[in-house]
Amino acid sequence: MIIKNAQIYQDGGWVKGSLQFDTVFKSINEGPSEIESDGIIDASDMYIIPGFIDIHTHGAINIDVNHLDTTDEVDTLSKFYASHGTTSFLTSIMSDSIENTERVIKIVRDAKERGTSASNLLGIHLEGPFISEEYKGAMNEEYLIKADGNLLNKYIELSNNNIKYITVAPEVEGVNELIKEFKDKIVFSLGHSCASYECSMEAIKNGATSITHMFNAMKLFHQHYPSICGAALESDVYTEAICDGFHLVPATVRLLLKTKGYDRVIAITDSMMAAGLSEGIYKLGPNKVIVKGGDAKLEDGVRAGSTLTQDRALGNLLKFTNSPLEKVVPLLSKNPAELLNIYDRKGSIEVNKDADFVILNKDFEIEKTFVAGKIVYNRNK
């Protein structure tokens, strides 16, 4: 298939020309295409950018990951995500009973082995259970435990090595040893934490490479006690950011980007089952969540996930920062791919990489989403 007359995002800039692909990208050419093909899409006045990768989502459209019953529900999520430009995702399982965590891991494992019909399921993100009670957020305190390598290994084996990412609090007993032991198997992110600067830097030295939803559910910066926030800002770790305007106000997003740089921030959704739906009462794991004005909170006012989608995150980033499109795109594509060590095949438009990409119109709205060269969402249909 060929897309012609498009502005194609490549290496932080734009190529005006044509894109040829099957399941992978075959060529990127400047100027008019001379190649004949049965499938040609004219993308005049449109932008071609890499597909979005969401490494932190708990669900959408009335589906909660911790309450999954079937692999069909995972596939339904994949279709919803694709309609918002997400071409790859991790399912985030929040801290829960061992029994239910194992049940959900099996469903996600089976869904991955079966394959999804739209957005590509990369695997599992475990958010806990080795996290702080003080900064548990929407987690149930009874399920938070000290680090347990045997349990984590059991989860890994049960998932058929599909646990790709885990959120841990470095101050929890045994976590630093856990990072050293499993860092070659799983990407570690620090979060839900009251850790000191020193403890956090030790975890980063031991192999943690990310911070979960920066500034949320963690001890904040103090000039005498920089804490986990200070370690995140000073070091080279990636930082997740929920750019919905609620978890981080625009000035905080700008400050984070100025401090970390556009190459070290990852735009996640942290979405819950209310994403794509109207105001009302929903669930996030075991919790009752009230959604009003797009903001999701527990009854005590604590934020509980979001209703964000990645196309809205893109629009918010453009609005919050007044940055050009080419500067913001890596936050949703290259950066998460690099964090998950899959940049050799995803996260950018390059020859021989997976043909996962999005066509945006001049208003930066999703026109079409492609996964492995197949149209999985079409705005006009």
Protein backbone atom coordinates (compact mmCIF):
# COMPACT_ATOMS: atom_id res chain seq x y z
CA MET A 1 0.00 0.00 0.00
CA ILE A 2 1.12 3.57 -0.63
CA ILE A 3 0.22 6.86 1.00
CA LYS A 4 1.07 9.85 -1.18
CA ASN A 5 1.23 13.64 -0.80
CA ALA A 6 1.69 13.40 2.96
CA GLN A 7 3.76 15.17 5.57
CA ILE A 8 5.62 12.22 7.09
CA TYR A 9 7.21 12.54 10.53
CA GLN A 10 10.77 11.27 10.55
CA ASP A 11 13.74 12.00 12.83
CA GLY A 12 12.01 14.95 14.48
CA GLY A 13 11.17 16.61 11.18
CA TRP A 14 8.96 16.24 8.12
CA VAL A 15 9.34 14.60 4.73
CA LYS A 16 6.80 15.65 2.07
CA GLY A 17 6.20 12.66 -0.15
CA SER A 18 5.03 9.05 -0.12
CA LEU A 19 5.10 6.13 2.28
CA GLN A 20 5.13 2.53 1.03
CA PHE A 21 4.41 -0.36 3.40
CA ASP A 22 2.96 -3.81 3.94
CA THR A 23 3.21 -5.10 7.52
CA VAL A 24 6.40 -3.05 7.85
CA PHE A 25 7.55 0.22 6.33
CA LYS A 26 9.18 -0.41 2.93
CA SER A 27 10.21 3.07 1.80
CA ILE A 28 9.85 6.77 2.59
CA ASN A 29 10.28 8.94 -0.50
CA GLU A 30 10.31 12.68 -1.05
CA GLY A 31 8.18 14.09 -3.84
CA PRO A 32 5.46 12.38 -5.92
CA SER A 33 5.34 8.59 -5.96
CA GLU A 34 6.21 6.80 -9.18
CA ILE A 35 5.26 3.39 -7.77
CA GLU A 36 2.11 1.65 -8.99
CA SER A 37 -0.06 0.01 -6.34
CA ASP A 38 -3.57 -1.37 -5.94
CA GLY A 39 -3.96 0.57 -2.70
CA ILE A 40 -3.15 4.28 -2.79
CA ILE A 41 -4.32 6.81 -0.18
CA ASP A 42 -4.06 10.51 -0.95
CA ALA A 43 -3.11 12.24 2.30
CA SER A 44 -2.85 15.81 1.03
CA ASP A 45 -2.90 18.34 3.90
CA MET A 46 -2.48 15.52 6.41
CA TYR A 47 0.26 14.31 8.76
CA ILE A 48 1.68 10.80 9.14
CA ILE A 49 3.09 10.14 12.61
CA PRO A 50 4.11 6.99 14.54
CA GLY A 51 1.33 5.19 16.38
CA PHE A 52 0.92 6.00 20.06
CA ILE A 53 2.10 3.59 22.76
CA ASP A 54 0.23 3.64 26.08
CA ILE A 55 2.23 1.92 28.81
CA HIS A 56 -0.27 2.68 31.61
CA THR A 57 -4.02 2.12 31.19
CA HIS A 58 -6.54 0.39 33.47
CA GLY A 59 -9.35 0.27 30.93
CA ALA A 60 -12.07 2.22 29.12
CA ILE A 61 -15.66 2.01 27.84
CA ASN A 62 -16.96 0.25 30.95
CA ILE A 63 -14.14 -2.34 31.03
CA ASP A 64 -11.85 -2.44 34.07
CA VAL A 65 -8.66 -4.50 33.71
CA ASN A 66 -8.89 -5.89 37.27
CA HIS A 67 -12.40 -7.10 36.48
CA LEU A 68 -11.70 -8.68 33.09
CA ASP A 69 -13.77 -11.79 32.40
CA THR A 70 -12.82 -12.67 28.82
CA THR A 71 -10.19 -12.11 26.16
CA ASP A 72 -12.94 -10.52 24.05
CA GLU A 73 -12.97 -7.59 26.49
CA VAL A 74 -9.26 -7.04 25.89
CA ASP A 75 -9.98 -7.01 22.16
CA THR A 76 -12.77 -4.47 22.70
CA LEU A 77 -10.28 -2.27 24.52
CA SER A 78 -7.83 -2.63 21.64
CA LYS A 79 -10.46 -1.27 19.22
CA PHE A 80 -11.26 1.68 21.47
CA TYR A 81 -7.59 2.54 21.92
CA ALA A 82 -6.98 2.33 18.16
CA SER A 83 -9.78 4.82 17.55
CA HIS A 84 -7.73 7.31 19.57
CA GLY A 85 -4.42 6.66 17.83
CA THR A 86 -2.99 4.07 20.21
CA THR A 87 -1.36 1.26 18.24
CA SER A 88 0.26 -0.57 21.19
CA PHE A 89 -0.59 -0.81 24.89
CA LEU A 90 0.11 -2.52 28.19
CA THR A 91 -2.80 -3.56 30.42
CA SER A 92 -2.23 -2.13 33.91
CA ILE A 93 -3.24 -4.41 36.80
CA MET A 94 -3.53 -2.51 40.07
CA SER A 95 -2.67 -4.08 43.45
CA ASP A 96 -5.17 -6.82 44.18
CA SER A 97 -5.45 -10.20 45.85
CA ILE A 98 -3.02 -12.84 44.59
CA GLU A 99 -5.96 -14.91 43.42
CA ASN A 100 -7.48 -12.14 41.30
CA THR A 101 -4.11 -10.92 40.02
CA GLU A 102 -3.37 -14.44 38.76
CA ARG A 103 -6.83 -14.67 37.19
CA VAL A 104 -6.36 -11.41 35.27
CA ILE A 105 -2.80 -12.30 34.24
CA LYS A 106 -4.13 -15.50 32.64
CA ILE A 107 -6.78 -13.60 30.67
CA VAL A 108 -4.31 -11.00 29.40
CA ARG A 109 -1.78 -13.74 28.57
CA ASP A 110 -4.40 -15.62 26.57
CA ALA A 111 -5.49 -12.41 24.82
CA LYS A 112 -1.92 -11.71 23.77
CA GLU A 113 -1.41 -15.23 22.50
CA ARG A 114 -4.72 -15.06 20.63
CA GLY A 115 -3.87 -11.64 19.20
CA THR A 116 -5.94 -8.46 19.16
CA SER A 117 -7.81 -7.16 16.13
CA ALA A 118 -6.79 -3.52 16.48
CA SER A 119 -4.23 -1.96 18.84
CA ASN A 120 -1.37 -4.35 19.63
CA LEU A 121 -1.28 -5.78 23.16
CA LEU A 122 2.34 -5.63 24.33
CA GLY A 123 1.80 -7.29 27.72
CA ILE A 124 1.19 -6.39 31.34
CA HIS A 125 2.03 -3.51 33.66
CA LEU A 126 1.82 -4.44 37.36
CA GLU A 127 1.07 -1.32 39.42
CA GLY A 128 2.08 -2.73 42.79
CA PRO A 129 1.72 -4.61 45.07
CA PHE A 130 5.15 -3.59 46.40
CA ILE A 131 4.22 0.04 47.05
CA SER A 132 3.75 2.49 49.94
CA GLU A 133 0.64 2.53 52.11
CA GLU A 134 1.11 6.28 52.69
CA TYR A 135 0.88 7.03 48.97
CA LYS A 136 -1.37 4.17 47.92
CA GLY A 137 -3.72 6.47 45.96
CA ALA A 138 -6.65 4.35 44.79
CA MET A 139 -4.99 1.09 45.85
CA ASN A 140 -6.52 -1.13 48.54
CA GLU A 141 -4.17 -1.13 51.55
CA GLU A 142 -4.79 -4.78 52.41
CA TYR A 143 -3.12 -5.87 49.17
CA LEU A 144 0.14 -3.95 49.65
CA ILE A 145 3.04 -6.16 50.70
CA LYS A 146 6.83 -6.16 51.01
CA ALA A 147 8.84 -7.23 47.99
CA ASP A 148 8.53 -10.92 47.21
CA GLY A 149 10.75 -12.30 44.45
CA ASN A 150 9.07 -15.69 44.51
CA LEU A 151 5.65 -14.13 43.96
CA LEU A 152 6.92 -11.90 41.15
CA ASN A 153 8.59 -14.85 39.48
CA LYS A 154 5.33 -16.80 39.79
CA TYR A 155 3.49 -13.96 38.05
CA ILE A 156 6.14 -13.82 35.31
CA GLU A 157 5.91 -17.55 34.64
CA LEU A 158 2.09 -17.48 34.70
CA SER A 159 2.11 -14.63 32.18
CA ASN A 160 4.42 -16.55 29.86
CA ASN A 161 6.99 -13.74 30.28
CA ASN A 162 4.45 -11.08 29.33
CA ILE A 163 4.91 -8.88 32.39
CA LYS A 164 6.90 -6.05 30.85
CA TYR A 165 6.66 -3.21 33.37
CA ILE A 166 6.16 -2.89 37.13
CA THR A 167 5.63 0.02 39.53
CA VAL A 168 7.38 -0.33 42.91
CA ALA A 169 8.17 1.95 45.86
CA PRO A 170 11.92 1.86 46.61
CA GLU A 171 11.46 2.31 50.38
CA VAL A 172 9.38 -0.87 50.69
CA GLU A 173 11.34 -3.72 52.27
CA GLY A 174 13.22 -5.76 49.68
CA VAL A 175 12.44 -3.61 46.65
CA ASN A 176 16.01 -2.54 45.90
CA GLU A 177 17.11 -6.18 45.93
CA LEU A 178 14.12 -7.05 43.72
CA ILE A 179 15.19 -4.45 41.15
CA LYS A 180 18.70 -5.87 40.97
CA GLU A 181 17.37 -9.41 40.62
CA PHE A 182 14.72 -8.79 37.95
CA LYS A 183 15.92 -5.70 36.03
CA ASP A 184 16.93 -7.82 33.03
CA LYS A 185 13.43 -9.31 32.83
CA ILE A 186 11.15 -6.35 33.61
CA VAL A 187 11.30 -2.56 33.30
CA PHE A 188 11.05 -1.04 36.80
CA SER A 189 9.26 2.22 37.50
CA LEU A 190 9.22 4.02 40.86
CA GLY A 191 5.93 5.35 42.21
CA HIS A 192 3.27 5.33 44.93
CA SER A 193 6.17 6.20 47.16
CA CYS A 194 7.35 8.32 50.10
CA ALA A 195 10.99 7.42 49.40
CA SER A 196 13.82 9.76 50.26
CA TYR A 197 16.09 11.20 47.58
CA GLU A 198 18.89 8.84 48.65
CA CYS A 199 16.70 5.73 48.60
CA SER A 200 15.29 6.67 45.20
CA MET A 201 18.72 7.31 43.70
CA GLU A 202 19.86 3.92 44.98
CA ALA A 203 16.92 2.28 43.18
CA ILE A 204 17.80 4.14 39.99
CA LYS A 205 21.43 3.06 40.33
CA ASN A 206 20.21 -0.51 40.79
CA GLY A 207 18.27 -0.40 37.53
CA ALA A 208 14.94 1.46 37.83
CA THR A 209 14.45 3.49 34.64
CA SER A 210 11.09 5.23 35.01
CA ILE A 211 8.80 7.16 37.36
CA THR A 212 5.09 6.36 37.48
CA HIS A 213 2.68 9.31 36.94
CA MET A 214 5.20 11.97 37.98
CA PHE A 215 4.15 14.26 40.88
CA ASN A 216 1.10 12.09 41.63
CA ALA A 217 0.98 9.56 44.51
CA MET A 218 4.48 10.40 45.70
CA LYS A 219 6.28 12.55 48.26
CA LEU A 220 6.76 15.97 46.71
CA PHE A 221 9.92 18.05 46.45
CA HIS A 222 11.19 20.02 49.46
CA GLN A 223 14.30 22.16 49.26
CA HIS A 224 15.90 20.28 52.18
CA TYR A 225 14.43 16.85 51.38
CA PRO A 226 14.27 16.44 47.60
CA SER A 227 12.61 13.00 47.94
CA ILE A 228 11.66 10.78 45.03
CA CYS A 229 10.67 13.86 43.01
CA GLY A 230 14.14 15.35 43.29
CA ALA A 231 15.72 12.05 42.22
CA ALA A 232 13.36 11.85 39.24
CA LEU A 233 14.15 15.38 38.10
CA GLU A 234 17.92 15.13 38.57
CA SER A 235 18.48 11.69 37.05
CA ASP A 236 18.01 10.47 33.48
CA VAL A 237 15.01 8.24 34.17
CA TYR A 238 11.87 8.56 32.08
CA THR A 239 8.85 10.14 33.75
CA GLU A 240 5.24 9.26 32.98
CA ALA A 241 2.91 12.26 32.73
CA ILE A 242 -0.90 12.31 32.79
CA CYS A 243 -1.60 15.34 30.61
CA ASP A 244 -5.32 15.71 31.29
CA GLY A 245 -5.11 19.12 33.00
CA PHE A 246 -6.24 17.60 36.31
CA HIS A 247 -3.33 15.48 37.48
CA LEU A 248 -0.86 18.05 36.16
CA VAL A 249 -1.82 21.65 35.42
CA PRO A 250 -0.31 23.12 32.24
CA ALA A 251 2.44 25.01 34.09
CA THR A 252 3.57 21.78 35.76
CA VAL A 253 3.69 20.01 32.40
CA ARG A 254 5.85 22.81 31.01
CA LEU A 255 8.13 22.71 34.07
CA LEU A 256 8.53 18.93 33.76
CA LEU A 257 9.42 19.18 30.08
CA LYS A 258 11.85 22.01 30.68
CA THR A 259 13.55 20.05 33.46
CA LYS A 260 13.57 16.56 31.94
CA GLY A 261 13.55 17.43 28.24
CA TYR A 262 11.13 16.20 25.60
CA ASP A 263 13.12 12.96 25.27
CA ARG A 264 12.50 11.80 28.84
CA VAL A 265 8.75 12.33 29.33
CA ILE A 266 6.12 9.73 28.38
CA ALA A 267 2.49 10.75 27.88
CA ILE A 268 0.30 8.04 29.44
CA THR A 269 -3.44 7.97 30.01
CA ASP A 270 -3.77 6.02 33.30
CA SER A 271 -7.31 5.66 31.97
CA MET A 272 -10.02 3.77 33.82
CA MET A 273 -13.33 2.27 32.72
CA ALA A 274 -15.03 5.68 32.38
CA ALA A 275 -12.79 6.71 29.45
CA GLY A 276 -15.02 7.17 26.42
CA LEU A 277 -18.17 7.43 28.55
CA SER A 278 -20.20 10.15 30.27
CA GLU A 279 -20.20 11.32 33.89
CA GLY A 280 -21.31 8.82 36.51
CA ILE A 281 -20.22 6.25 39.05
CA TYR A 282 -17.69 3.61 38.00
CA LYS A 283 -15.16 1.16 39.41
CA LEU A 284 -11.37 1.12 39.49
CA GLY A 285 -10.32 -2.22 40.91
CA PRO A 286 -12.21 -2.50 44.21
CA ASN A 287 -12.99 1.23 44.42
CA LYS A 288 -16.06 3.31 43.68
CA VAL A 289 -15.06 6.20 41.41
CA ILE A 290 -17.11 9.32 40.74
CA VAL A 291 -16.51 10.98 37.36
CA LYS A 292 -17.57 14.59 36.99
CA GLY A 293 -16.42 17.04 34.36
CA GLY A 294 -14.01 14.42 33.04
CA ASP A 295 -12.22 14.16 36.40
CA ALA A 296 -12.22 10.76 38.17
CA LYS A 297 -12.08 10.71 41.99
CA LEU A 298 -12.73 8.41 44.91
CA GLU A 299 -15.42 9.43 47.39
CA ASP A 300 -12.75 11.02 49.61
CA GLY A 301 -11.55 13.23 46.74
CA VAL A 302 -8.40 11.26 45.83
CA ARG A 303 -7.90 11.04 42.06
CA ALA A 304 -8.42 7.54 40.70
CA GLY A 305 -7.09 7.14 37.17
CA SER A 306 -8.32 9.35 34.35
CA THR A 307 -10.73 9.50 31.43
CA LEU A 308 -7.93 10.55 29.10
CA THR A 309 -7.18 9.15 25.64
CA GLN A 310 -3.85 9.57 23.87
CA ASP A 311 -5.17 11.74 21.06
CA ARG A 312 -6.52 14.13 23.72
CA ALA A 313 -3.15 13.97 25.48
CA LEU A 314 -1.51 15.03 22.21
CA GLY A 315 -3.93 17.94 21.84
CA ASN A 316 -3.42 18.99 25.45
CA LEU A 317 0.36 18.91 25.09
CA LEU A 318 0.19 21.11 22.00
CA LYS A 319 -2.09 23.52 23.84
CA PHE A 320 -0.21 23.48 27.17
CA THR A 321 3.25 24.00 25.66
CA ASN A 322 2.55 25.84 22.40
CA SER A 323 5.11 23.46 20.89
CA PRO A 324 5.07 22.31 17.25
CA LEU A 325 3.69 18.84 16.53
CA GLU A 326 7.11 17.38 15.73
CA LYS A 327 8.42 18.23 19.20
CA VAL A 328 5.55 16.55 21.05
CA VAL A 329 5.15 13.34 19.00
CA PRO A 330 8.03 11.43 20.73
CA LEU A 331 6.24 11.64 24.10
CA LEU A 332 3.63 9.24 22.72
CA SER A 333 5.80 7.06 20.48
CA LYS A 334 9.59 7.04 20.59
CA ASN A 335 9.98 7.57 24.34
CA PRO A 336 7.72 4.71 25.51
CA ALA A 337 9.23 2.44 22.86
CA GLU A 338 12.73 3.20 24.12
CA LEU A 339 11.69 2.62 27.74
CA LEU A 340 10.21 -0.79 26.91
CA ASN A 341 13.22 -1.70 24.74
CA ILE A 342 11.13 -2.12 21.60
CA TYR A 343 12.41 0.87 19.65
CA ASP A 344 14.11 -1.48 17.21
CA ARG A 345 10.64 -2.29 15.82
CA LYS A 346 8.18 0.36 17.05
CA GLY A 347 7.98 4.04 17.94
CA SER A 348 9.13 5.67 14.70
CA ILE A 349 8.57 5.58 10.94
CA GLU A 350 11.63 3.82 9.58
CA VAL A 351 12.20 1.17 6.93
CA ASN A 352 11.68 -2.38 8.26
CA LYS A 353 9.91 -1.24 11.44
CA ASP A 354 6.32 -2.29 12.13
CA ALA A 355 3.88 -0.22 10.06
CA ASP A 356 2.07 1.18 13.11
CA PHE A 357 1.08 4.76 12.40
CA VAL A 358 -1.62 7.39 12.46
CA ILE A 359 -2.94 9.82 9.87
CA LEU A 360 -3.88 13.18 11.39
CA ASN A 361 -5.89 15.87 9.66
CA LYS A 362 -4.88 19.53 9.71
CA ASP A 363 -6.65 19.93 13.08
CA PHE A 364 -4.55 17.06 14.51
CA GLU A 365 -7.55 14.73 14.75
CA ILE A 366 -7.25 11.00 14.05
CA GLU A 367 -8.33 10.18 10.49
CA LYS A 368 -6.96 6.64 10.26
CA THR A 369 -5.00 4.28 12.49
CA PHE A 370 -2.81 1.51 11.05
CA VAL A 371 -1.40 -1.49 12.92
CA ALA A 372 1.02 -3.74 11.03
CA GLY A 373 -0.07 -1.99 7.83
CA LYS A 374 -3.77 -2.70 8.35
CA ILE A 375 -6.39 0.01 8.80
CA VAL A 376 -7.88 -0.64 12.24
CA TYR A 377 -9.72 2.68 12.57
CA ASN A 378 -11.20 4.95 9.90
CA ARG A 379 -12.83 8.21 10.98
CA ASN A 380 -15.07 8.26 7.88
CA LYS A 381 -16.47 4.80 8.55
